[in-house]
Amino acid sequence: MSCDISHGRLEPCKDVVGGLKNIYVLNYGQYDETDITYDTALGYEDVITAITLTPIAPALTSFIYKFELKGTNSFETTITSSRENGTTFFEQVLSVQLKKQDGITHKQIKLLSYGRPNIIVETNAGQYFIAGLLRGMDVTAGTISNGTALGDMNGYSLTFTGQEAVPANFLDCTTEAQLVALLGTPQVVTN
């Protein structure tokens, strides 16, 4: 791998917005490194064009679980690089707030905390990233809160953390329909 950069960058227009729109959760183990197809036209593997999901037995289809977001949610990647050790890794941190408690979500929060899912992040700008591509994302913090006052948060706050050798990859899609096609047409579950 070469360490020399190959492109510069012009100052872009101010035509994007921040924030997250949805996350899509995949149970860990539905694909491995050989199931990923990268767009290598530019000579690097930062954009994924396809992931072949393997259905988890006994299901005949693959599933992805959609969580709609609104409000204070974020996705950040921190670069940690050490000249002394000769290492670099990328820590991906996803923080989400899910409003209103219910029994079904309560169980799913428990299962998310036990597992290490792969998570697709959809931004308000229409970009899709996959966090925890090869190692998954762990719930590293969270609260289930009822608040104190009438206007306080009632719901779940979760922080997922993953560490990968590369930043979260772009997915080559801009709509949910394109995402589903990129993943081999899994069923999208919202409730």
Protein backbone atom coordinates (compact mmCIF):
# COMPACT_ATOMS: atom_id res chain seq x y z
CA MET A 1 0.00 0.00 0.00
CA SER A 2 1.35 3.36 -1.01
CA CYS A 3 1.25 6.24 1.47
CA ASP A 4 1.43 8.92 -1.24
CA ILE A 5 -1.79 10.86 -1.89
CA SER A 6 -3.14 11.04 -5.43
CA HIS A 7 -5.74 13.85 -5.41
CA GLY A 8 -6.23 17.39 -4.13
CA ARG A 9 -9.52 19.02 -3.25
CA LEU A 10 -11.30 22.24 -4.16
CA GLU A 11 -13.49 24.06 -1.63
CA PRO A 12 -16.96 22.55 -2.19
CA CYS A 13 -20.27 24.42 -2.42
CA LYS A 14 -22.32 24.90 0.76
CA ASP A 15 -25.12 22.59 -0.42
CA VAL A 16 -25.18 19.81 2.18
CA VAL A 17 -26.75 19.43 5.61
CA GLY A 18 -25.62 17.57 8.71
CA GLY A 19 -27.37 15.00 10.83
CA LEU A 20 -28.64 11.47 10.47
CA LYS A 21 -31.90 10.23 8.96
CA ASN A 22 -31.90 6.45 9.55
CA ILE A 23 -29.74 3.57 10.63
CA TYR A 24 -30.02 0.03 9.28
CA VAL A 25 -28.80 -2.76 11.56
CA LEU A 26 -27.45 -6.04 10.21
CA ASN A 27 -26.85 -8.93 12.57
CA TYR A 28 -23.13 -9.68 12.62
CA GLY A 29 -22.06 -12.63 10.49
CA GLN A 30 -24.38 -12.12 7.48
CA TYR A 31 -21.34 -11.53 5.25
CA ASP A 32 -17.57 -11.82 5.32
CA GLU A 33 -14.75 -10.01 3.58
CA THR A 34 -15.11 -12.10 0.40
CA ASP A 35 -18.78 -11.02 0.03
CA ILE A 36 -17.87 -7.34 -0.46
CA THR A 37 -17.39 -5.75 -3.90
CA TYR A 38 -15.50 -2.46 -4.03
CA ASP A 39 -15.44 0.25 -6.69
CA THR A 40 -11.75 0.15 -7.58
CA ALA A 41 -11.97 2.37 -10.68
CA LEU A 42 -9.93 5.07 -8.91
CA GLY A 43 -7.46 2.57 -7.49
CA TYR A 44 -8.73 2.41 -3.92
CA GLU A 45 -11.44 0.62 -1.97
CA ASP A 46 -13.45 3.34 -0.20
CA VAL A 47 -16.77 2.85 -2.03
CA ILE A 48 -18.68 -0.44 -1.79
CA THR A 49 -20.86 -1.39 -4.77
CA ALA A 50 -22.28 -4.68 -3.42
CA ILE A 51 -22.42 -6.85 -0.31
CA THR A 52 -23.79 -10.37 -0.67
CA LEU A 53 -25.72 -11.14 2.52
CA THR A 54 -26.12 -14.72 3.68
CA PRO A 55 -29.49 -15.48 5.27
CA ILE A 56 -29.21 -16.54 8.89
CA ALA A 57 -30.80 -20.00 9.28
CA PRO A 58 -33.58 -20.97 9.26
CA ALA A 59 -34.73 -17.85 7.35
CA LEU A 60 -34.84 -18.02 3.57
CA THR A 61 -34.25 -14.29 3.23
CA SER A 62 -31.87 -11.78 4.77
CA PHE A 63 -33.12 -9.02 7.03
CA ILE A 64 -31.97 -5.49 7.80
CA TYR A 65 -33.59 -3.57 10.62
CA LYS A 66 -34.42 0.09 10.04
CA PHE A 67 -34.49 2.63 12.87
CA GLU A 68 -35.79 6.09 11.94
CA LEU A 69 -33.97 8.98 13.61
CA LYS A 70 -34.83 12.58 14.32
CA GLY A 71 -33.07 15.08 16.55
CA THR A 72 -29.75 14.67 18.31
CA ASN A 73 -27.94 11.81 16.59
CA SER A 74 -24.36 11.71 15.34
CA PHE A 75 -21.73 9.63 13.59
CA GLU A 76 -18.05 10.50 13.95
CA THR A 77 -14.80 8.81 13.05
CA THR A 78 -11.63 9.51 15.02
CA ILE A 79 -8.28 8.77 13.41
CA THR A 80 -5.63 7.32 15.73
CA SER A 81 -2.18 7.13 14.19
CA SER A 82 1.12 6.35 15.92
CA ARG A 83 4.46 7.03 14.22
CA GLU A 84 6.21 5.15 17.06
CA ASN A 85 4.12 2.00 16.62
CA GLY A 86 3.59 2.32 12.88
CA THR A 87 -0.17 1.86 13.30
CA THR A 88 -3.33 3.65 12.26
CA PHE A 89 -6.93 2.76 13.02
CA PHE A 90 -10.28 4.49 12.78
CA GLU A 91 -12.70 4.56 15.72
CA GLN A 92 -16.29 4.93 14.58
CA VAL A 93 -18.78 6.27 17.12
CA LEU A 94 -22.53 6.34 16.45
CA SER A 95 -24.80 8.02 19.02
CA VAL A 96 -28.57 7.68 18.62
CA GLN A 97 -31.66 8.61 20.58
CA LEU A 98 -34.75 6.49 20.15
CA LYS A 99 -37.82 8.18 21.58
CA LYS A 100 -40.59 6.46 23.53
CA GLN A 101 -40.16 3.15 25.32
CA ASP A 102 -42.04 -0.02 24.42
CA GLY A 103 -41.60 -3.74 25.03
CA ILE A 104 -40.41 -4.63 21.52
CA THR A 105 -37.74 -1.91 21.43
CA HIS A 106 -36.71 -2.76 25.00
CA LYS A 107 -35.87 -6.31 23.90
CA GLN A 108 -34.05 -5.11 20.77
CA ILE A 109 -31.92 -2.71 22.85
CA LYS A 110 -30.95 -5.64 25.08
CA LEU A 111 -30.01 -7.76 22.04
CA LEU A 112 -28.06 -4.91 20.44
CA SER A 113 -26.12 -4.59 23.70
CA TYR A 114 -25.27 -8.30 23.67
CA GLY A 115 -24.25 -8.41 20.00
CA ARG A 116 -21.91 -6.55 17.65
CA PRO A 117 -23.94 -5.62 14.59
CA ASN A 118 -22.84 -3.95 11.39
CA ILE A 119 -24.68 -0.63 11.04
CA ILE A 120 -25.48 1.33 7.91
CA VAL A 121 -25.78 5.05 8.58
CA GLU A 122 -27.95 7.21 6.29
CA THR A 123 -27.23 10.93 6.56
CA ASN A 124 -29.62 13.81 5.94
CA ALA A 125 -27.42 14.61 2.92
CA GLY A 126 -28.38 11.28 1.29
CA GLN A 127 -25.07 9.51 1.88
CA TYR A 128 -24.79 5.95 3.17
CA PHE A 129 -21.85 4.60 5.20
CA ILE A 130 -21.29 1.19 6.76
CA ALA A 131 -19.89 1.27 10.29
CA GLY A 132 -18.19 -1.74 11.80
CA LEU A 133 -17.66 -3.24 8.35
CA LEU A 134 -15.53 -6.21 9.41
CA ARG A 135 -15.42 -6.13 13.22
CA GLY A 136 -18.92 -4.91 14.04
CA MET A 137 -20.12 -2.20 16.41
CA ASP A 138 -20.46 -2.63 20.17
CA VAL A 139 -22.87 -0.77 22.42
CA THR A 140 -20.38 0.98 24.70
CA ALA A 141 -22.78 3.27 26.56
CA GLY A 142 -26.47 3.87 26.86
CA THR A 143 -29.39 4.84 29.02
CA ILE A 144 -33.04 3.96 29.26
CA SER A 145 -34.64 7.07 30.64
CA ASN A 146 -38.05 8.33 31.70
CA GLY A 147 -36.93 11.87 32.51
CA THR A 148 -38.00 14.01 35.43
CA ALA A 149 -40.23 16.71 33.95
CA LEU A 150 -43.07 16.28 31.46
CA GLY A 151 -40.90 17.47 28.56
CA ASP A 152 -37.90 15.24 29.34
CA MET A 153 -36.67 12.40 27.17
CA ASN A 154 -38.57 9.14 27.40
CA GLY A 155 -36.65 6.51 25.47
CA TYR A 156 -33.25 5.08 24.72
CA SER A 157 -29.86 6.72 24.18
CA LEU A 158 -27.21 4.41 22.73
CA THR A 159 -23.57 4.80 21.78
CA PHE A 160 -22.08 2.26 19.38
CA THR A 161 -18.30 2.06 18.93
CA GLY A 162 -16.30 0.18 16.34
CA GLN A 163 -12.63 0.07 15.43
CA GLU A 164 -11.60 -0.66 11.87
CA ALA A 165 -8.46 -0.49 9.76
CA VAL A 166 -10.21 1.95 7.39
CA PRO A 167 -12.79 4.74 7.79
CA ALA A 168 -16.46 3.81 7.36
CA ASN A 169 -16.88 2.96 3.69
CA PHE A 170 -19.28 4.84 1.44
CA LEU A 171 -22.02 2.66 -0.04
CA ASP A 172 -22.75 3.31 -3.72
CA CYS A 173 -26.39 4.32 -3.23
CA THR A 174 -28.50 7.38 -2.48
CA THR A 175 -31.93 5.82 -1.75
CA GLU A 176 -33.25 2.98 0.37
CA ALA A 177 -34.26 1.07 -2.78
CA GLN A 178 -30.68 1.30 -4.08
CA LEU A 179 -29.38 0.21 -0.65
CA VAL A 180 -31.61 -2.87 -0.70
CA ALA A 181 -30.37 -3.73 -4.21
CA LEU A 182 -26.74 -3.21 -3.14
CA LEU A 183 -27.30 -5.70 -0.30
CA GLY A 184 -28.93 -8.34 -2.51
CA THR A 185 -32.58 -7.44 -1.74
CA PRO A 186 -32.95 -8.23 1.96
CA GLN A 187 -36.26 -7.58 3.69
CA VAL A 188 -36.34 -4.21 5.51
CA VAL A 189 -37.99 -4.57 8.93
CA THR A 190 -39.26 -1.46 10.73
CA ASN A 191 -41.41 -2.97 13.48
